[in-house]
Amino acid sequence: MKHATITEAAFIDDAGLGSTAKRRGRPIHKMLVSFSAAYFTGALVTDLVYWQMPDVMWERFSIWLIAVGLIVAGLAAIAYVTDLLGGRQIDGPAWPGVVGYAVATLLSLFNAFVHSRDGYTAVVPTGLMLSGIVVAVLIVTARVASALANRHRAGA
């Protein structure tokens, strides 16, 4: 067995040890918004499957997808506020995306309450329509926000 002995310690001046990393890529809130949109879209798919073959498993999948989508939407809102307070540059006018995403999230919250009912009526027709409306709102919001961001970049 070998032993090591420390005979001298050297300290490095930490004045020059600041981070040199550059921010790259998309802000974290945009990635979280994409994930929650995927969960809400998955809920629409499982609602459609439940409508065609009423097995309770598909209804449970829907409520879990909606619940996780809402949790991720909350994290996206926190990340968005953090990015704004941190001075991170948000590309293009942000209000159409924020308003559309807020509407979709509120509709999904209402959809979670509809899905919490018992039986076939928990999904068909109200839950299925709400899931479809949420996905439609997300698609329109993404199109409008993308068009406005492209126009903003072209004008800048």
C-alpha atoms as a PDB file:
ATOM      1  CA  MET A   1       0.000   0.000   0.000  1.00  0.00           C
ATOM      2  CA  LYS A   2       1.379   3.379  -1.006  1.00  0.00           C
ATOM      3  CA  HIS A   3       0.754   6.569   0.897  1.00  0.00           C
ATOM      4  CA  ALA A   4       0.836  10.090  -0.455  1.00  0.00           C
ATOM      5  CA  THR A   5       2.016  13.036   1.558  1.00  0.00           C
ATOM      6  CA  ILE A   6       1.020  16.610   0.811  1.00  0.00           C
ATOM      7  CA  THR A   7       3.889  18.901   1.546  1.00  0.00           C
ATOM      8  CA  GLU A   8       2.717  22.148   0.029  1.00  0.00           C
ATOM      9  CA  ALA A   9      -0.582  23.702  -1.083  1.00  0.00           C
ATOM     10  CA  ALA A  10      -0.898  26.223  -3.861  1.00  0.00           C
ATOM     11  CA  PHE A  11      -3.902  28.495  -4.214  1.00  0.00           C
ATOM     12  CA  ILE A  12      -5.027  29.836  -7.548  1.00  0.00           C
ATOM     13  CA  ASP A  13      -6.363  33.354  -7.821  1.00  0.00           C
ATOM     14  CA  ASP A  14     -10.024  32.875  -8.758  1.00  0.00           C
ATOM     15  CA  ALA A  15     -10.414  36.319 -10.305  1.00  0.00           C
ATOM     16  CA  GLY A  16      -9.892  34.890 -13.787  1.00  0.00           C
ATOM     17  CA  LEU A  17     -11.995  31.757 -13.305  1.00  0.00           C
ATOM     18  CA  GLY A  18     -15.292  33.219 -14.521  1.00  0.00           C
ATOM     19  CA  SER A  19     -17.329  31.240 -16.971  1.00  0.00           C
ATOM     20  CA  THR A  20     -16.377  31.693 -20.591  1.00  0.00           C
ATOM     21  CA  ALA A  21     -19.311  29.657 -21.837  1.00  0.00           C
ATOM     22  CA  LYS A  22     -21.555  31.340 -24.358  1.00  0.00           C
ATOM     23  CA  ARG A  23     -25.287  30.851 -24.417  1.00  0.00           C
ATOM     24  CA  ARG A  24     -26.264  28.896 -27.465  1.00  0.00           C
ATOM     25  CA  GLY A  25     -29.339  27.249 -28.815  1.00  0.00           C
ATOM     26  CA  ARG A  26     -32.929  27.809 -27.880  1.00  0.00           C
ATOM     27  CA  PRO A  27     -34.050  29.165 -24.534  1.00  0.00           C
ATOM     28  CA  ILE A  28     -35.205  26.460 -22.112  1.00  0.00           C
ATOM     29  CA  HIS A  29     -38.807  27.698 -22.080  1.00  0.00           C
ATOM     30  CA  LYS A  30     -39.144  27.030 -25.816  1.00  0.00           C
ATOM     31  CA  MET A  31     -38.052  23.438 -25.342  1.00  0.00           C
ATOM     32  CA  LEU A  32     -40.467  22.976 -22.447  1.00  0.00           C
ATOM     33  CA  VAL A  33     -43.314  24.443 -24.512  1.00  0.00           C
ATOM     34  CA  SER A  34     -42.526  21.884 -27.226  1.00  0.00           C
ATOM     35  CA  PHE A  35     -42.677  19.049 -24.705  1.00  0.00           C
ATOM     36  CA  SER A  36     -45.999  20.142 -23.231  1.00  0.00           C
ATOM     37  CA  ALA A  37     -47.443  20.572 -26.742  1.00  0.00           C
ATOM     38  CA  ALA A  38     -46.352  17.004 -27.488  1.00  0.00           C
ATOM     39  CA  TYR A  39     -48.084  15.747 -24.319  1.00  0.00           C
ATOM     40  CA  PHE A  40     -51.290  17.589 -25.213  1.00  0.00           C
ATOM     41  CA  THR A  41     -51.150  16.167 -28.746  1.00  0.00           C
ATOM     42  CA  GLY A  42     -50.606  12.700 -27.313  1.00  0.00           C
ATOM     43  CA  ALA A  43     -53.726  13.184 -25.193  1.00  0.00           C
ATOM     44  CA  LEU A  44     -55.699  13.929 -28.362  1.00  0.00           C
ATOM     45  CA  VAL A  45     -54.372  10.732 -29.944  1.00  0.00           C
ATOM     46  CA  THR A  46     -55.278   8.598 -26.926  1.00  0.00           C
ATOM     47  CA  ASP A  47     -58.724  10.246 -26.791  1.00  0.00           C
ATOM     48  CA  LEU A  48     -59.270   9.299 -30.430  1.00  0.00           C
ATOM     49  CA  VAL A  49     -58.213   5.721 -29.703  1.00  0.00           C
ATOM     50  CA  TYR A  50     -60.541   5.601 -26.673  1.00  0.00           C
ATOM     51  CA  TRP A  51     -63.400   6.891 -28.822  1.00  0.00           C
ATOM     52  CA  GLN A  52     -62.889   3.981 -31.250  1.00  0.00           C
ATOM     53  CA  MET A  53     -62.260   1.278 -28.660  1.00  0.00           C
ATOM     54  CA  PRO A  54     -63.484   2.188 -25.185  1.00  0.00           C
ATOM     55  CA  ASP A  55     -60.851   0.556 -23.024  1.00  0.00           C
ATOM     56  CA  VAL A  56     -60.257   2.406 -19.738  1.00  0.00           C
ATOM     57  CA  MET A  57     -56.509   2.168 -20.260  1.00  0.00           C
ATOM     58  CA  TRP A  58     -56.687   4.782 -23.054  1.00  0.00           C
ATOM     59  CA  GLU A  59     -58.678   7.172 -20.894  1.00  0.00           C
ATOM     60  CA  ARG A  60     -56.047   6.835 -18.158  1.00  0.00           C
ATOM     61  CA  PHE A  61     -53.302   7.498 -20.687  1.00  0.00           C
ATOM     62  CA  SER A  62     -55.107  10.685 -21.690  1.00  0.00           C
ATOM     63  CA  ILE A  63     -55.406  12.067 -18.173  1.00  0.00           C
ATOM     64  CA  TRP A  64     -51.768  11.260 -17.412  1.00  0.00           C
ATOM     65  CA  LEU A  65     -50.607  12.954 -20.619  1.00  0.00           C
ATOM     66  CA  ILE A  66     -52.699  16.019 -19.819  1.00  0.00           C
ATOM     67  CA  ALA A  67     -51.419  16.128 -16.226  1.00  0.00           C
ATOM     68  CA  VAL A  68     -47.764  15.852 -17.254  1.00  0.00           C
ATOM     69  CA  GLY A  69     -48.353  18.423 -20.000  1.00  0.00           C
ATOM     70  CA  LEU A  70     -49.733  20.834 -17.398  1.00  0.00           C
ATOM     71  CA  ILE A  71     -46.747  20.267 -15.107  1.00  0.00           C
ATOM     72  CA  VAL A  72     -44.322  20.928 -17.964  1.00  0.00           C
ATOM     73  CA  ALA A  73     -46.381  24.003 -18.951  1.00  0.00           C
ATOM     74  CA  GLY A  74     -45.916  25.334 -15.420  1.00  0.00           C
ATOM     75  CA  LEU A  75     -42.178  24.734 -15.671  1.00  0.00           C
ATOM     76  CA  ALA A  76     -42.161  26.507 -19.050  1.00  0.00           C
ATOM     77  CA  ALA A  77     -43.869  29.530 -17.503  1.00  0.00           C
ATOM     78  CA  ILE A  78     -41.280  29.632 -14.718  1.00  0.00           C
ATOM     79  CA  ALA A  79     -38.447  29.313 -17.264  1.00  0.00           C
ATOM     80  CA  TYR A  80     -39.958  32.085 -19.408  1.00  0.00           C
ATOM     81  CA  VAL A  81     -40.132  34.482 -16.464  1.00  0.00           C
ATOM     82  CA  THR A  82     -36.579  33.522 -15.501  1.00  0.00           C
ATOM     83  CA  ASP A  83     -35.371  34.212 -19.047  1.00  0.00           C
ATOM     84  CA  LEU A  84     -37.112  37.585 -19.046  1.00  0.00           C
ATOM     85  CA  LEU A  85     -35.711  38.576 -15.654  1.00  0.00           C
ATOM     86  CA  GLY A  86     -32.254  37.351 -16.658  1.00  0.00           C
ATOM     87  CA  GLY A  87     -32.246  39.651 -19.665  1.00  0.00           C
ATOM     88  CA  ARG A  88     -32.202  36.869 -22.232  1.00  0.00           C
ATOM     89  CA  GLN A  89     -33.137  38.103 -25.695  1.00  0.00           C
ATOM     90  CA  ILE A  90     -36.537  36.800 -26.806  1.00  0.00           C
ATOM     91  CA  ASP A  91     -36.684  36.748 -30.605  1.00  0.00           C
ATOM     92  CA  GLY A  92     -39.636  38.542 -32.152  1.00  0.00           C
ATOM     93  CA  PRO A  93     -42.812  39.749 -30.514  1.00  0.00           C
ATOM     94  CA  ALA A  94     -43.625  37.278 -27.760  1.00  0.00           C
ATOM     95  CA  TRP A  95     -47.209  38.218 -26.914  1.00  0.00           C
ATOM     96  CA  PRO A  96     -49.014  36.031 -29.545  1.00  0.00           C
ATOM     97  CA  GLY A  97     -47.175  32.933 -28.370  1.00  0.00           C
ATOM     98  CA  VAL A  98     -47.721  33.728 -24.705  1.00  0.00           C
ATOM     99  CA  VAL A  99     -51.444  34.407 -25.160  1.00  0.00           C
ATOM    100  CA  GLY A 100     -52.031  31.331 -27.333  1.00  0.00           C
ATOM    101  CA  TYR A 101     -50.058  29.074 -25.014  1.00  0.00           C
ATOM    102  CA  ALA A 102     -51.908  30.437 -21.971  1.00  0.00           C
ATOM    103  CA  VAL A 103     -55.269  29.748 -23.671  1.00  0.00           C
ATOM    104  CA  ALA A 104     -54.174  26.199 -24.563  1.00  0.00           C
ATOM    105  CA  THR A 105     -52.948  25.582 -21.010  1.00  0.00           C
ATOM    106  CA  LEU A 106     -56.184  26.849 -19.446  1.00  0.00           C
ATOM    107  CA  LEU A 107     -58.221  24.691 -21.830  1.00  0.00           C
ATOM    108  CA  SER A 108     -56.039  21.723 -20.888  1.00  0.00           C
ATOM    109  CA  LEU A 109     -56.629  22.409 -17.205  1.00  0.00           C
ATOM    110  CA  PHE A 110     -60.380  22.373 -17.840  1.00  0.00           C
ATOM    111  CA  ASN A 111     -59.879  19.220 -19.925  1.00  0.00           C
ATOM    112  CA  ALA A 112     -58.155  17.546 -16.969  1.00  0.00           C
ATOM    113  CA  PHE A 113     -61.257  18.163 -14.863  1.00  0.00           C
ATOM    114  CA  VAL A 114     -63.470  16.773 -17.630  1.00  0.00           C
ATOM    115  CA  HIS A 115     -61.269  13.674 -17.910  1.00  0.00           C
ATOM    116  CA  SER A 116     -61.489  13.098 -14.151  1.00  0.00           C
ATOM    117  CA  ARG A 117     -65.139  12.070 -14.448  1.00  0.00           C
ATOM    118  CA  ASP A 118     -66.086   8.404 -14.565  1.00  0.00           C
ATOM    119  CA  GLY A 119     -67.057   6.423 -17.586  1.00  0.00           C
ATOM    120  CA  TYR A 120     -67.218   6.954 -21.305  1.00  0.00           C
ATOM    121  CA  THR A 121     -68.553  10.499 -20.908  1.00  0.00           C
ATOM    122  CA  ALA A 122     -65.239  11.525 -19.343  1.00  0.00           C
ATOM    123  CA  VAL A 123     -63.756  11.572 -22.814  1.00  0.00           C
ATOM    124  CA  VAL A 124     -66.514  11.428 -25.407  1.00  0.00           C
ATOM    125  CA  PRO A 125     -67.580  13.977 -26.605  1.00  0.00           C
ATOM    126  CA  THR A 126     -66.427  16.849 -24.338  1.00  0.00           C
ATOM    127  CA  GLY A 127     -62.902  15.661 -23.536  1.00  0.00           C
ATOM    128  CA  LEU A 128     -62.238  14.731 -27.147  1.00  0.00           C
ATOM    129  CA  MET A 129     -63.423  18.131 -28.381  1.00  0.00           C
ATOM    130  CA  LEU A 130     -61.327  19.955 -25.775  1.00  0.00           C
ATOM    131  CA  SER A 131     -58.225  17.965 -26.731  1.00  0.00           C
ATOM    132  CA  GLY A 132     -58.828  18.818 -30.384  1.00  0.00           C
ATOM    133  CA  ILE A 133     -59.327  22.513 -29.607  1.00  0.00           C
ATOM    134  CA  VAL A 134     -56.115  22.586 -27.534  1.00  0.00           C
ATOM    135  CA  VAL A 135     -54.104  21.102 -30.399  1.00  0.00           C
ATOM    136  CA  ALA A 136     -55.727  23.503 -32.891  1.00  0.00           C
ATOM    137  CA  VAL A 137     -54.903  26.491 -30.656  1.00  0.00           C
ATOM    138  CA  LEU A 138     -51.295  25.296 -30.343  1.00  0.00           C
ATOM    139  CA  ILE A 139     -50.949  24.893 -34.125  1.00  0.00           C
ATOM    140  CA  VAL A 140     -52.412  28.339 -34.847  1.00  0.00           C
ATOM    141  CA  THR A 141     -50.266  29.890 -32.124  1.00  0.00           C
ATOM    142  CA  ALA A 142     -47.101  28.287 -33.503  1.00  0.00           C
ATOM    143  CA  ARG A 143     -47.901  29.485 -37.034  1.00  0.00           C
ATOM    144  CA  VAL A 144     -48.675  33.054 -35.964  1.00  0.00           C
ATOM    145  CA  ALA A 145     -45.675  33.309 -33.631  1.00  0.00           C
ATOM    146  CA  SER A 146     -43.378  31.891 -36.303  1.00  0.00           C
ATOM    147  CA  ALA A 147     -44.676  34.290 -38.961  1.00  0.00           C
ATOM    148  CA  LEU A 148     -44.272  37.277 -36.639  1.00  0.00           C
ATOM    149  CA  ALA A 149     -40.764  36.193 -35.607  1.00  0.00           C
ATOM    150  CA  ASN A 150     -39.747  35.803 -39.267  1.00  0.00           C
ATOM    151  CA  ARG A 151     -41.170  39.229 -40.099  1.00  0.00           C
ATOM    152  CA  HIS A 152     -39.332  40.704 -37.096  1.00  0.00           C
ATOM    153  CA  ARG A 153     -36.022  39.132 -38.181  1.00  0.00           C
ATOM    154  CA  ALA A 154     -36.488  40.318 -41.755  1.00  0.00           C
ATOM    155  CA  GLY A 155     -37.164  43.872 -40.568  1.00  0.00           C
ATOM    156  CA  ALA A 156     -34.241  43.940 -38.138  1.00  0.00           C
END
